[in-house]
């Protein structure tokens, strides 16, 4: 089958979609997204609806790796993945098991940003939550 023959949500798309049965996901999940990414909603939706171990990290980034994306601040993406894998694959106790499950970069209000683009770093701070934000859709 070809994609262009499936312009609506049909069996072609459903077979590989996690939203058909969130409860089927039993493994720990590390969700990483960015506010400048057009695909931010699925990160929040999965974080909200998965019941097993999950961690959600949302930065200011676009659809790129967080260690090279804009706008910043950038993070050590591979180091974050290694901490996650060490904890869940090797059973190592590290800071991953002590942190709240959600880390979100909260932008500071900036009226100048509306008038000019090209920011390499967005001023803000990291906010930590014990539960993912509830998503209505």
Protein backbone atom coordinates (compact mmCIF):
# COMPACT_ATOMS: atom_id res chain seq x y z
CA UNK A 1 0.00 0.00 0.00
CA UNK A 2 1.06 3.55 -0.57
CA UNK A 3 0.68 6.42 1.87
CA UNK A 4 -1.18 8.65 -0.58
CA UNK A 5 -4.00 6.11 -0.68
CA UNK A 6 -4.61 6.57 3.04
CA UNK A 7 -5.44 10.20 3.66
CA UNK A 8 -7.63 9.42 6.67
CA UNK A 9 -6.98 7.40 9.81
CA UNK A 10 -7.60 3.83 8.67
CA UNK A 11 -6.08 0.40 9.36
CA UNK A 12 -2.93 1.42 7.47
CA UNK A 13 -2.13 3.93 10.22
CA UNK A 14 -3.75 2.18 13.21
CA UNK A 15 -1.54 -0.93 13.18
CA UNK A 16 1.52 1.01 14.27
CA UNK A 17 -0.10 3.64 16.45
CA UNK A 18 0.50 3.56 20.19
CA UNK A 19 -2.70 5.53 20.85
CA UNK A 20 -4.84 2.52 19.96
CA UNK A 21 -3.93 0.86 23.27
CA UNK A 22 -1.73 2.78 25.70
CA UNK A 23 -2.05 -0.02 28.26
CA UNK A 24 -0.18 -2.40 25.94
CA UNK A 25 3.05 -0.47 26.62
CA UNK A 26 4.65 -2.12 29.64
CA UNK A 27 8.27 -0.99 29.27
CA UNK A 28 9.73 2.21 30.72
CA UNK A 29 9.56 5.12 28.28
CA UNK A 30 11.73 8.25 28.01
CA UNK A 31 9.88 10.94 26.04
CA UNK A 32 11.84 13.92 24.73
CA UNK A 33 10.26 16.84 22.92
CA UNK A 34 10.60 20.52 22.26
CA UNK A 35 8.24 23.47 22.35
CA UNK A 36 9.48 24.71 18.96
CA UNK A 37 8.74 21.26 17.49
CA UNK A 38 5.52 20.74 15.59
CA UNK A 39 5.15 17.36 17.34
CA UNK A 40 5.00 18.49 20.98
CA UNK A 41 1.44 17.24 21.63
CA UNK A 42 2.23 13.50 21.35
CA UNK A 43 4.96 13.86 23.98
CA UNK A 44 2.50 15.31 26.48
CA UNK A 45 -0.26 12.87 25.47
CA UNK A 46 1.96 9.80 25.96
CA UNK A 47 3.30 11.14 29.24
CA UNK A 48 -0.24 11.61 30.47
CA UNK A 49 -1.72 8.32 29.27
CA UNK A 50 1.03 5.77 29.84
CA UNK A 51 0.71 4.00 33.18
CA UNK A 52 4.15 2.42 33.50
CA UNK A 53 7.45 4.09 34.32
CA UNK A 54 7.93 7.14 32.14
CA UNK A 55 9.96 10.31 32.08
CA UNK A 56 9.07 13.39 30.07
CA UNK A 57 11.62 16.01 29.03
CA UNK A 58 10.38 19.07 27.11
CA UNK A 59 12.88 21.76 26.21
CA UNK A 60 12.70 24.86 24.03
CA UNK A 61 14.04 23.01 20.98
CA UNK A 62 12.78 22.41 17.48
CA UNK A 63 12.65 18.98 15.81
CA UNK A 64 16.36 18.26 16.32
CA UNK A 65 18.57 16.51 18.86
CA UNK A 66 18.57 18.50 22.13
CA UNK A 67 22.37 18.77 22.13
CA UNK A 68 22.41 20.67 18.81
CA UNK A 69 18.91 22.15 18.49
CA UNK A 70 17.77 25.74 18.51
CA UNK A 71 16.66 27.55 20.40
CA UNK A 72 18.67 26.59 23.46
CA UNK A 73 19.63 26.03 26.09
CA UNK A 74 20.96 22.77 24.77
CA UNK A 75 21.43 19.71 26.96
CA UNK A 76 23.65 16.65 26.90
CA UNK A 77 21.09 14.44 25.18
CA UNK A 78 23.33 11.37 25.02
CA UNK A 79 24.23 11.73 28.69
CA UNK A 80 20.51 11.87 29.56
CA UNK A 81 19.87 8.72 27.52
CA UNK A 82 22.78 6.95 29.18
CA UNK A 83 21.47 7.80 32.66
CA UNK A 84 18.04 6.50 31.62
CA UNK A 85 19.44 3.26 30.15
CA UNK A 86 21.77 2.71 33.10
CA UNK A 87 18.82 2.98 35.46
CA UNK A 88 16.23 0.93 33.56
CA UNK A 89 18.44 -1.54 31.69
CA UNK A 90 21.24 -2.08 34.20
CA UNK A 91 19.36 -1.34 37.42
CA UNK A 92 21.84 1.33 38.50
CA UNK A 93 20.65 3.78 41.09
CA UNK A 94 21.36 7.21 39.73
CA UNK A 95 19.66 10.58 39.79
CA UNK A 96 17.07 9.32 37.30
CA UNK A 97 15.26 7.38 40.02
CA UNK A 98 15.21 10.43 42.32
CA UNK A 99 13.95 13.08 39.89
CA UNK A 100 10.31 13.97 39.27
CA UNK A 101 9.08 12.30 36.09
CA UNK A 102 8.54 15.56 34.17
CA UNK A 103 11.12 18.23 33.31
CA UNK A 104 9.82 21.19 31.32
CA UNK A 105 11.70 24.28 30.22
CA UNK A 106 9.54 27.28 31.11
CA UNK A 107 10.26 30.29 28.90
CA UNK A 108 10.45 33.73 30.43
CA UNK A 109 8.08 36.23 28.83
CA UNK A 110 9.93 38.25 26.20
CA UNK A 111 8.08 40.88 24.17
CA UNK A 112 11.15 41.40 21.93
CA UNK A 113 10.88 37.81 20.76
CA UNK A 114 7.63 38.63 18.99
CA UNK A 115 9.36 41.29 16.92
CA UNK A 116 12.55 39.50 15.99
CA UNK A 117 13.55 35.87 15.61
CA UNK A 118 16.90 34.19 15.61
CA UNK A 119 17.23 33.57 19.32
CA UNK A 120 19.91 30.98 19.99
CA UNK A 121 18.94 30.69 23.65
CA UNK A 122 15.58 31.38 25.26
CA UNK A 123 15.73 32.74 28.78
CA UNK A 124 13.86 30.56 31.25
CA UNK A 125 14.20 27.87 33.89
CA UNK A 126 13.63 24.15 34.28
CA UNK A 127 10.43 23.18 36.09
CA UNK A 128 9.97 19.74 37.64
CA UNK A 129 6.60 18.00 38.05
CA UNK A 130 5.67 14.77 39.79
CA UNK A 131 2.91 13.99 37.28
CA UNK A 132 2.54 14.82 33.59
CA UNK A 133 0.13 17.61 32.65
CA UNK A 134 -3.30 16.23 31.82
CA UNK A 135 -4.07 16.40 28.11
CA UNK A 136 -7.69 16.81 27.06
CA UNK A 137 -7.39 15.73 23.42
